[in-house]
Amino acid sequence: MPIGFDKEAYPVPPRQTPAAEKQTALPNPALIFSKIFYYTVDLPVTTFRDTVESLRAKNKLVYYHEKFRRVPELIDCFEGDFLCYYEAEMQWKRDFKVDQEIVKVIQERLSACQQREGPNYHQNCSKEMQQFEEVAKNYELRYGDLGAYASGRKCLMKQKERMIAAQKQNA
Protein backbone atom coordinates (compact mmCIF):
# COMPACT_ATOMS: atom_id res chain seq x y z
CA MET A 1 0.00 0.00 0.00
CA PRO A 2 1.17 3.47 -0.73
CA ILE A 3 2.29 5.73 2.06
CA GLY A 4 -0.65 8.07 1.90
CA PHE A 5 -3.57 5.61 1.73
CA ASP A 6 -7.04 6.31 3.07
CA LYS A 7 -7.47 4.31 6.32
CA GLU A 8 -11.23 4.72 6.30
CA ALA A 9 -11.58 3.26 2.78
CA TYR A 10 -9.36 0.27 3.55
CA PRO A 11 -9.58 -0.51 7.26
CA VAL A 12 -7.04 -2.82 8.85
CA PRO A 13 -8.52 -6.33 9.47
CA PRO A 14 -9.21 -7.22 13.09
CA ARG A 15 -6.49 -9.04 14.94
CA GLN A 16 -8.73 -11.88 16.27
CA THR A 17 -11.52 -13.48 14.26
CA PRO A 18 -14.85 -13.77 16.04
CA ALA A 19 -16.27 -17.22 16.95
CA ALA A 20 -18.26 -18.70 14.10
CA GLU A 21 -20.73 -20.54 16.33
CA LYS A 22 -22.19 -19.60 19.63
CA GLN A 23 -20.73 -21.70 22.43
CA THR A 24 -23.19 -23.31 24.84
CA ALA A 25 -22.76 -25.12 28.09
CA LEU A 26 -24.64 -28.20 26.76
CA PRO A 27 -22.55 -30.94 25.05
CA ASN A 28 -23.23 -32.05 21.47
CA PRO A 29 -25.76 -34.98 21.50
CA ALA A 30 -24.30 -36.51 18.31
CA LEU A 31 -20.91 -36.72 19.98
CA ILE A 32 -22.45 -38.35 23.06
CA PHE A 33 -24.29 -40.98 20.98
CA SER A 34 -21.22 -41.77 18.92
CA LYS A 35 -19.15 -42.32 22.09
CA ILE A 36 -21.88 -44.50 23.64
CA PHE A 37 -22.07 -46.60 20.44
CA TYR A 38 -18.30 -46.95 20.28
CA TYR A 39 -17.88 -48.16 23.85
CA THR A 40 -21.00 -50.38 24.02
CA VAL A 41 -21.03 -51.97 20.54
CA ASP A 42 -17.98 -51.32 18.40
CA LEU A 43 -15.20 -51.84 20.94
CA PRO A 44 -16.48 -55.19 22.39
CA VAL A 45 -17.22 -56.63 18.94
CA THR A 46 -13.85 -55.57 17.55
CA THR A 47 -12.05 -56.95 20.59
CA PHE A 48 -13.89 -60.28 20.31
CA ARG A 49 -13.14 -60.54 16.58
CA ASP A 50 -9.45 -59.79 17.13
CA THR A 51 -9.28 -62.43 19.87
CA VAL A 52 -10.91 -65.07 17.68
CA GLU A 53 -8.65 -64.22 14.74
CA SER A 54 -5.56 -64.49 16.91
CA LEU A 55 -6.69 -67.93 18.11
CA ARG A 56 -7.35 -69.03 14.53
CA ALA A 57 -3.93 -67.79 13.49
CA LYS A 58 -2.34 -70.04 16.11
CA ASN A 59 -4.39 -73.11 15.04
CA LYS A 60 -4.16 -73.11 11.24
CA LEU A 61 -6.56 -75.99 10.58
CA VAL A 62 -8.10 -76.06 7.15
CA TYR A 63 -11.77 -76.85 7.57
CA TYR A 64 -12.20 -78.82 4.36
CA HIS A 65 -9.36 -81.24 5.05
CA GLU A 66 -10.72 -82.86 8.14
CA LYS A 67 -8.92 -86.14 8.66
CA PHE A 68 -10.63 -89.07 10.30
CA ARG A 69 -8.81 -92.13 11.52
CA ARG A 70 -9.76 -95.35 9.84
CA VAL A 71 -11.91 -97.53 12.06
CA PRO A 72 -12.48 -101.27 11.83
CA GLU A 73 -14.94 -102.60 9.29
CA LEU A 74 -18.11 -104.35 10.38
CA ILE A 75 -16.47 -107.75 9.93
CA ASP A 76 -13.80 -106.78 12.50
CA CYS A 77 -16.31 -105.81 15.22
CA PHE A 78 -17.05 -108.19 18.06
CA GLU A 79 -20.60 -109.35 18.62
CA GLY A 80 -22.53 -106.86 20.75
CA ASP A 81 -19.94 -104.08 20.38
CA PHE A 82 -22.41 -101.35 19.45
CA LEU A 83 -19.83 -98.57 19.56
CA CYS A 84 -17.76 -100.44 16.97
CA TYR A 85 -20.91 -100.94 14.87
CA TYR A 86 -21.61 -97.21 15.00
CA GLU A 87 -18.04 -96.25 14.10
CA ALA A 88 -18.00 -98.72 11.21
CA GLU A 89 -21.32 -97.34 9.96
CA MET A 90 -20.01 -93.76 10.09
CA GLN A 91 -16.84 -94.88 8.28
CA TRP A 92 -18.98 -96.51 5.60
CA LYS A 93 -21.01 -93.31 5.18
CA ARG A 94 -17.82 -91.26 4.76
CA ASP A 95 -16.49 -93.78 2.23
CA PHE A 96 -19.83 -93.67 0.40
CA LYS A 97 -19.69 -89.87 0.12
CA VAL A 98 -16.06 -89.98 -1.02
CA ASP A 99 -16.91 -92.55 -3.70
CA GLN A 100 -19.82 -90.40 -4.87
CA GLU A 101 -17.51 -87.40 -5.19
CA ILE A 102 -14.94 -89.47 -7.10
CA VAL A 103 -17.62 -90.48 -9.63
CA LYS A 104 -18.75 -86.84 -9.92
CA VAL A 105 -15.19 -85.58 -10.52
CA ILE A 106 -14.47 -88.21 -13.18
CA GLN A 107 -17.83 -87.49 -14.83
CA GLU A 108 -17.05 -83.76 -14.88
CA ARG A 109 -13.67 -84.46 -16.47
CA LEU A 110 -15.35 -86.57 -19.15
CA SER A 111 -18.00 -83.96 -19.90
CA ALA A 112 -15.33 -81.22 -20.05
CA CYS A 113 -13.33 -83.31 -22.51
CA GLN A 114 -16.46 -83.95 -24.59
CA GLN A 115 -17.23 -80.24 -24.60
CA ARG A 116 -13.67 -79.37 -25.56
CA GLU A 117 -13.24 -81.99 -28.30
CA GLY A 118 -16.70 -81.73 -29.86
CA PRO A 119 -17.63 -84.48 -32.35
CA ASN A 120 -14.20 -86.15 -32.08
CA TYR A 121 -14.58 -86.93 -28.38
CA HIS A 122 -14.83 -90.72 -28.97
CA GLN A 123 -11.30 -90.72 -30.29
CA ASN A 124 -9.71 -87.97 -28.18
CA CYS A 125 -11.37 -88.71 -24.82
CA SER A 126 -10.91 -92.47 -24.78
CA LYS A 127 -8.76 -92.37 -21.63
CA GLU A 128 -11.42 -90.37 -19.73
CA MET A 129 -14.21 -92.61 -21.02
CA GLN A 130 -12.36 -95.74 -19.93
CA GLN A 131 -11.65 -94.24 -16.51
CA PHE A 132 -15.30 -93.20 -16.06
CA GLU A 133 -16.56 -96.66 -17.09
CA GLU A 134 -14.22 -98.32 -14.59
CA VAL A 135 -15.17 -95.98 -11.73
CA ALA A 136 -18.89 -96.25 -12.51
CA LYS A 137 -18.67 -100.06 -12.68
CA ASN A 138 -16.89 -100.26 -9.33
CA TYR A 139 -19.38 -97.85 -7.75
CA GLU A 140 -22.31 -99.89 -9.09
CA LEU A 141 -20.78 -103.15 -7.86
CA ARG A 142 -20.31 -101.79 -4.37
CA TYR A 143 -23.36 -99.55 -3.87
CA GLY A 144 -25.85 -100.52 -6.56
CA ASP A 145 -29.22 -101.99 -5.53
CA LEU A 146 -28.83 -100.95 -1.89
CA GLY A 147 -31.95 -98.82 -1.98
CA ALA A 148 -32.80 -95.60 -0.23
CA TYR A 149 -31.88 -96.91 3.22
CA ALA A 150 -28.36 -98.01 2.37
CA SER A 151 -26.08 -98.92 5.23
CA GLY A 152 -22.76 -100.56 5.87
CA ARG A 153 -24.48 -103.76 6.94
CA LYS A 154 -26.50 -103.99 3.70
CA CYS A 155 -23.38 -103.28 1.67
CA LEU A 156 -21.47 -106.01 3.51
CA MET A 157 -24.28 -108.51 2.91
CA LYS A 158 -24.33 -107.61 -0.79
CA GLN A 159 -20.58 -108.21 -1.06
CA LYS A 160 -20.91 -111.56 0.74
CA GLU A 161 -23.71 -112.63 -1.62
CA ARG A 162 -21.61 -111.63 -4.62
CA MET A 163 -18.65 -113.64 -3.29
CA ILE A 164 -20.84 -116.69 -2.69
CA ALA A 165 -22.26 -116.42 -6.22
CA ALA A 166 -18.73 -116.16 -7.67
CA GLN A 167 -17.67 -119.26 -5.72
CA LYS A 168 -20.67 -121.19 -7.03
CA GLN A 169 -19.77 -120.28 -10.61
CA ASN A 170 -16.17 -121.42 -10.14
CA ALA A 171 -17.15 -124.71 -8.48
C-alpha atoms as a PDB file:
ATOM      1  CA  MET A   1       0.000   0.000   0.000  1.00  0.00           C
ATOM      2  CA  PRO A   2       1.172   3.471  -0.731  1.00  0.00           C
ATOM      3  CA  ILE A   3       2.288   5.733   2.058  1.00  0.00           C
ATOM      4  CA  GLY A   4      -0.652   8.069   1.896  1.00  0.00           C
ATOM      5  CA  PHE A   5      -3.567   5.609   1.728  1.00  0.00           C
ATOM      6  CA  ASP A   6      -7.038   6.308   3.075  1.00  0.00           C
ATOM      7  CA  LYS A   7      -7.471   4.311   6.318  1.00  0.00           C
ATOM      8  CA  GLU A   8     -11.231   4.724   6.305  1.00  0.00           C
ATOM      9  CA  ALA A   9     -11.583   3.263   2.777  1.00  0.00           C
ATOM     10  CA  TYR A  10      -9.360   0.274   3.551  1.00  0.00           C
ATOM     11  CA  PRO A  11      -9.585  -0.513   7.260  1.00  0.00           C
ATOM     12  CA  VAL A  12      -7.043  -2.821   8.849  1.00  0.00           C
ATOM     13  CA  PRO A  13      -8.519  -6.333   9.471  1.00  0.00           C
ATOM     14  CA  PRO A  14      -9.205  -7.217  13.088  1.00  0.00           C
ATOM     15  CA  ARG A  15      -6.486  -9.040  14.939  1.00  0.00           C
ATOM     16  CA  GLN A  16      -8.734 -11.877  16.274  1.00  0.00           C
ATOM     17  CA  THR A  17     -11.515 -13.484  14.256  1.00  0.00           C
ATOM     18  CA  PRO A  18     -14.847 -13.771  16.035  1.00  0.00           C
ATOM     19  CA  ALA A  19     -16.267 -17.216  16.955  1.00  0.00           C
ATOM     20  CA  ALA A  20     -18.261 -18.704  14.099  1.00  0.00           C
ATOM     21  CA  GLU A  21     -20.734 -20.538  16.334  1.00  0.00           C
ATOM     22  CA  LYS A  22     -22.191 -19.597  19.626  1.00  0.00           C
ATOM     23  CA  GLN A  23     -20.731 -21.701  22.431  1.00  0.00           C
ATOM     24  CA  THR A  24     -23.192 -23.312  24.840  1.00  0.00           C
ATOM     25  CA  ALA A  25     -22.762 -25.124  28.094  1.00  0.00           C
ATOM     26  CA  LEU A  26     -24.644 -28.200  26.761  1.00  0.00           C
ATOM     27  CA  PRO A  27     -22.553 -30.943  25.051  1.00  0.00           C
ATOM     28  CA  ASN A  28     -23.226 -32.054  21.471  1.00  0.00           C
ATOM     29  CA  PRO A  29     -25.755 -34.984  21.502  1.00  0.00           C
ATOM     30  CA  ALA A  30     -24.303 -36.508  18.311  1.00  0.00           C
ATOM     31  CA  LEU A  31     -20.913 -36.725  19.975  1.00  0.00           C
ATOM     32  CA  ILE A  32     -22.446 -38.348  23.057  1.00  0.00           C
ATOM     33  CA  PHE A  33     -24.289 -40.976  20.982  1.00  0.00           C
ATOM     34  CA  SER A  34     -21.219 -41.768  18.921  1.00  0.00           C
ATOM     35  CA  LYS A  35     -19.146 -42.316  22.089  1.00  0.00           C
ATOM     36  CA  ILE A  36     -21.876 -44.504  23.638  1.00  0.00           C
ATOM     37  CA  PHE A  37     -22.070 -46.599  20.440  1.00  0.00           C
ATOM     38  CA  TYR A  38     -18.295 -46.945  20.276  1.00  0.00           C
ATOM     39  CA  TYR A  39     -17.883 -48.164  23.845  1.00  0.00           C
ATOM     40  CA  THR A  40     -20.998 -50.383  24.020  1.00  0.00           C
ATOM     41  CA  VAL A  41     -21.032 -51.973  20.543  1.00  0.00           C
ATOM     42  CA  ASP A  42     -17.983 -51.322  18.402  1.00  0.00           C
ATOM     43  CA  LEU A  43     -15.204 -51.839  20.937  1.00  0.00           C
ATOM     44  CA  PRO A  44     -16.483 -55.189  22.390  1.00  0.00           C
ATOM     45  CA  VAL A  45     -17.223 -56.626  18.937  1.00  0.00           C
ATOM     46  CA  THR A  46     -13.854 -55.571  17.547  1.00  0.00           C
ATOM     47  CA  THR A  47     -12.046 -56.951  20.592  1.00  0.00           C
ATOM     48  CA  PHE A  48     -13.886 -60.276  20.314  1.00  0.00           C
ATOM     49  CA  ARG A  49     -13.138 -60.543  16.583  1.00  0.00           C
ATOM     50  CA  ASP A  50      -9.454 -59.793  17.130  1.00  0.00           C
ATOM     51  CA  THR A  51      -9.283 -62.427  19.873  1.00  0.00           C
ATOM     52  CA  VAL A  52     -10.913 -65.068  17.679  1.00  0.00           C
ATOM     53  CA  GLU A  53      -8.653 -64.222  14.737  1.00  0.00           C
ATOM     54  CA  SER A  54      -5.558 -64.494  16.910  1.00  0.00           C
ATOM     55  CA  LEU A  55      -6.693 -67.931  18.114  1.00  0.00           C
ATOM     56  CA  ARG A  56      -7.346 -69.025  14.535  1.00  0.00           C
ATOM     57  CA  ALA A  57      -3.926 -67.786  13.489  1.00  0.00           C
ATOM     58  CA  LYS A  58      -2.340 -70.042  16.111  1.00  0.00           C
ATOM     59  CA  ASN A  59      -4.388 -73.106  15.037  1.00  0.00           C
ATOM     60  CA  LYS A  60      -4.160 -73.108  11.244  1.00  0.00           C
ATOM     61  CA  LEU A  61      -6.557 -75.985  10.585  1.00  0.00           C
ATOM     62  CA  VAL A  62      -8.099 -76.060   7.147  1.00  0.00           C
ATOM     63  CA  TYR A  63     -11.769 -76.849   7.568  1.00  0.00           C
ATOM     64  CA  TYR A  64     -12.200 -78.817   4.356  1.00  0.00           C
ATOM     65  CA  HIS A  65      -9.357 -81.243   5.047  1.00  0.00           C
ATOM     66  CA  GLU A  66     -10.715 -82.860   8.140  1.00  0.00           C
ATOM     67  CA  LYS A  67      -8.916 -86.138   8.660  1.00  0.00           C
ATOM     68  CA  PHE A  68     -10.628 -89.073  10.304  1.00  0.00           C
ATOM     69  CA  ARG A  69      -8.805 -92.127  11.523  1.00  0.00           C
ATOM     70  CA  ARG A  70      -9.761 -95.353   9.839  1.00  0.00           C
ATOM     71  CA  VAL A  71     -11.914 -97.529  12.064  1.00  0.00           C
ATOM     72  CA  PRO A  72     -12.476-101.273  11.831  1.00  0.00           C
ATOM     73  CA  GLU A  73     -14.942-102.598   9.289  1.00  0.00           C
ATOM     74  CA  LEU A  74     -18.115-104.355  10.381  1.00  0.00           C
ATOM     75  CA  ILE A  75     -16.471-107.753   9.929  1.00  0.00           C
ATOM     76  CA  ASP A  76     -13.797-106.778  12.500  1.00  0.00           C
ATOM     77  CA  CYS A  77     -16.310-105.814  15.222  1.00  0.00           C
ATOM     78  CA  PHE A  78     -17.051-108.187  18.064  1.00  0.00           C
ATOM     79  CA  GLU A  79     -20.604-109.354  18.615  1.00  0.00           C
ATOM     80  CA  GLY A  80     -22.527-106.862  20.747  1.00  0.00           C
ATOM     81  CA  ASP A  81     -19.937-104.080  20.382  1.00  0.00           C
ATOM     82  CA  PHE A  82     -22.414-101.349  19.452  1.00  0.00           C
ATOM     83  CA  LEU A  83     -19.833 -98.569  19.561  1.00  0.00           C
ATOM     84  CA  CYS A  84     -17.758-100.442  16.968  1.00  0.00           C
ATOM     85  CA  TYR A  85     -20.913-100.941  14.870  1.00  0.00           C
ATOM     86  CA  TYR A  86     -21.610 -97.215  15.004  1.00  0.00           C
ATOM     87  CA  GLU A  87     -18.037 -96.249  14.101  1.00  0.00           C
ATOM     88  CA  ALA A  88     -17.999 -98.719  11.214  1.00  0.00           C
ATOM     89  CA  GLU A  89     -21.318 -97.341   9.963  1.00  0.00           C
ATOM     90  CA  MET A  90     -20.011 -93.761  10.087  1.00  0.00           C
ATOM     91  CA  GLN A  91     -16.835 -94.878   8.278  1.00  0.00           C
ATOM     92  CA  TRP A  92     -18.978 -96.507   5.602  1.00  0.00           C
ATOM     93  CA  LYS A  93     -21.010 -93.307   5.180  1.00  0.00           C
ATOM     94  CA  ARG A  94     -17.816 -91.261   4.756  1.00  0.00           C
ATOM     95  CA  ASP A  95     -16.493 -93.781   2.227  1.00  0.00           C
ATOM     96  CA  PHE A  96     -19.832 -93.672   0.396  1.00  0.00           C
ATOM     97  CA  LYS A  97     -19.692 -89.872   0.120  1.00  0.00           C
ATOM     98  CA  VAL A  98     -16.063 -89.981  -1.019  1.00  0.00           C
ATOM     99  CA  ASP A  99     -16.905 -92.551  -3.701  1.00  0.00           C
ATOM    100  CA  GLN A 100     -19.823 -90.400  -4.875  1.00  0.00           C
ATOM    101  CA  GLU A 101     -17.509 -87.398  -5.186  1.00  0.00           C
ATOM    102  CA  ILE A 102     -14.942 -89.469  -7.100  1.00  0.00           C
ATOM    103  CA  VAL A 103     -17.625 -90.480  -9.625  1.00  0.00           C
ATOM    104  CA  LYS A 104     -18.750 -86.841  -9.924  1.00  0.00           C
ATOM    105  CA  VAL A 105     -15.192 -85.581 -10.523  1.00  0.00           C
ATOM    106  CA  ILE A 106     -14.474 -88.211 -13.180  1.00  0.00           C
ATOM    107  CA  GLN A 107     -17.829 -87.485 -14.834  1.00  0.00           C
ATOM    108  CA  GLU A 108     -17.052 -83.760 -14.882  1.00  0.00           C
ATOM    109  CA  ARG A 109     -13.674 -84.464 -16.471  1.00  0.00           C
ATOM    110  CA  LEU A 110     -15.347 -86.573 -19.149  1.00  0.00           C
ATOM    111  CA  SER A 111     -17.996 -83.960 -19.895  1.00  0.00           C
ATOM    112  CA  ALA A 112     -15.326 -81.223 -20.052  1.00  0.00           C
ATOM    113  CA  CYS A 113     -13.334 -83.311 -22.509  1.00  0.00           C
ATOM    114  CA  GLN A 114     -16.462 -83.953 -24.594  1.00  0.00           C
ATOM    115  CA  GLN A 115     -17.226 -80.236 -24.602  1.00  0.00           C
ATOM    116  CA  ARG A 116     -13.669 -79.368 -25.564  1.00  0.00           C
ATOM    117  CA  GLU A 117     -13.241 -81.988 -28.302  1.00  0.00           C
ATOM    118  CA  GLY A 118     -16.700 -81.733 -29.864  1.00  0.00           C
ATOM    119  CA  PRO A 119     -17.627 -84.475 -32.346  1.00  0.00           C
ATOM    120  CA  ASN A 120     -14.203 -86.148 -32.084  1.00  0.00           C
ATOM    121  CA  TYR A 121     -14.579 -86.930 -28.382  1.00  0.00           C
ATOM    122  CA  HIS A 122     -14.826 -90.722 -28.973  1.00  0.00           C
ATOM    123  CA  GLN A 123     -11.298 -90.718 -30.293  1.00  0.00           C
ATOM    124  CA  ASN A 124      -9.714 -87.974 -28.185  1.00  0.00           C
ATOM    125  CA  CYS A 125     -11.373 -88.708 -24.820  1.00  0.00           C
ATOM    126  CA  SER A 126     -10.913 -92.473 -24.779  1.00  0.00           C
ATOM    127  CA  LYS A 127      -8.761 -92.369 -21.632  1.00  0.00           C
ATOM    128  CA  GLU A 128     -11.416 -90.365 -19.729  1.00  0.00           C
ATOM    129  CA  MET A 129     -14.210 -92.606 -21.023  1.00  0.00           C
ATOM    130  CA  GLN A 130     -12.359 -95.745 -19.931  1.00  0.00           C
ATOM    131  CA  GLN A 131     -11.655 -94.243 -16.506  1.00  0.00           C
ATOM    132  CA  PHE A 132     -15.296 -93.203 -16.059  1.00  0.00           C
ATOM    133  CA  GLU A 133     -16.561 -96.655 -17.090  1.00  0.00           C
ATOM    134  CA  GLU A 134     -14.218 -98.316 -14.594  1.00  0.00           C
ATOM    135  CA  VAL A 135     -15.168 -95.978 -11.732  1.00  0.00           C
ATOM    136  CA  ALA A 136     -18.895 -96.249 -12.509  1.00  0.00           C
ATOM    137  CA  LYS A 137     -18.675-100.065 -12.679  1.00  0.00           C
ATOM    138  CA  ASN A 138     -16.887-100.259  -9.328  1.00  0.00           C
ATOM    139  CA  TYR A 139     -19.383 -97.854  -7.750  1.00  0.00           C
ATOM    140  CA  GLU A 140     -22.305 -99.890  -9.092  1.00  0.00           C
ATOM    141  CA  LEU A 141     -20.784-103.151  -7.863  1.00  0.00           C
ATOM    142  CA  ARG A 142     -20.312-101.785  -4.372  1.00  0.00           C
ATOM    143  CA  TYR A 143     -23.357 -99.553  -3.867  1.00  0.00           C
ATOM    144  CA  GLY A 144     -25.846-100.524  -6.563  1.00  0.00           C
ATOM    145  CA  ASP A 145     -29.224-101.992  -5.533  1.00  0.00           C
ATOM    146  CA  LEU A 146     -28.827-100.954  -1.887  1.00  0.00           C
ATOM    147  CA  GLY A 147     -31.953 -98.820  -1.979  1.00  0.00           C
ATOM    148  CA  ALA A 148     -32.803 -95.605  -0.227  1.00  0.00           C
ATOM    149  CA  TYR A 149     -31.880 -96.914   3.224  1.00  0.00           C
ATOM    150  CA  ALA A 150     -28.362 -98.008   2.366  1.00  0.00           C
ATOM    151  CA  SER A 151     -26.078 -98.917   5.231  1.00  0.00           C
ATOM    152  CA  GLY A 152     -22.762-100.557   5.869  1.00  0.00           C
ATOM    153  CA  ARG A 153     -24.484-103.763   6.943  1.00  0.00           C
ATOM    154  CA  LYS A 154     -26.497-103.988   3.700  1.00  0.00           C
ATOM    155  CA  CYS A 155     -23.377-103.282   1.667  1.00  0.00           C
ATOM    156  CA  LEU A 156     -21.470-106.010   3.509  1.00  0.00           C
ATOM    157  CA  MET A 157     -24.279-108.512   2.905  1.00  0.00           C
ATOM    158  CA  LYS A 158     -24.329-107.608  -0.790  1.00  0.00           C
ATOM    159  CA  GLN A 159     -20.581-108.207  -1.059  1.00  0.00           C
ATOM    160  CA  LYS A 160     -20.908-111.555   0.742  1.00  0.00           C
ATOM    161  CA  GLU A 161     -23.706-112.635  -1.620  1.00  0.00           C
ATOM    162  CA  ARG A 162     -21.608-111.625  -4.617  1.00  0.00           C
ATOM    163  CA  MET A 163     -18.649-113.642  -3.291  1.00  0.00           C
ATOM    164  CA  ILE A 164     -20.841-116.692  -2.693  1.00  0.00           C
ATOM    165  CA  ALA A 165     -22.265-116.419  -6.219  1.00  0.00           C
ATOM    166  CA  ALA A 166     -18.732-116.164  -7.669  1.00  0.00           C
ATOM    167  CA  GLN A 167     -17.667-119.261  -5.720  1.00  0.00           C
ATOM    168  CA  LYS A 168     -20.670-121.192  -7.027  1.00  0.00           C
ATOM    169  CA  GLN A 169     -19.768-120.282 -10.606  1.00  0.00           C
ATOM    170  CA  ASN A 170     -16.175-121.421 -10.145  1.00  0.00           C
ATOM    171  CA  ALA A 171     -17.146-124.708  -8.479  1.00  0.00           C
END
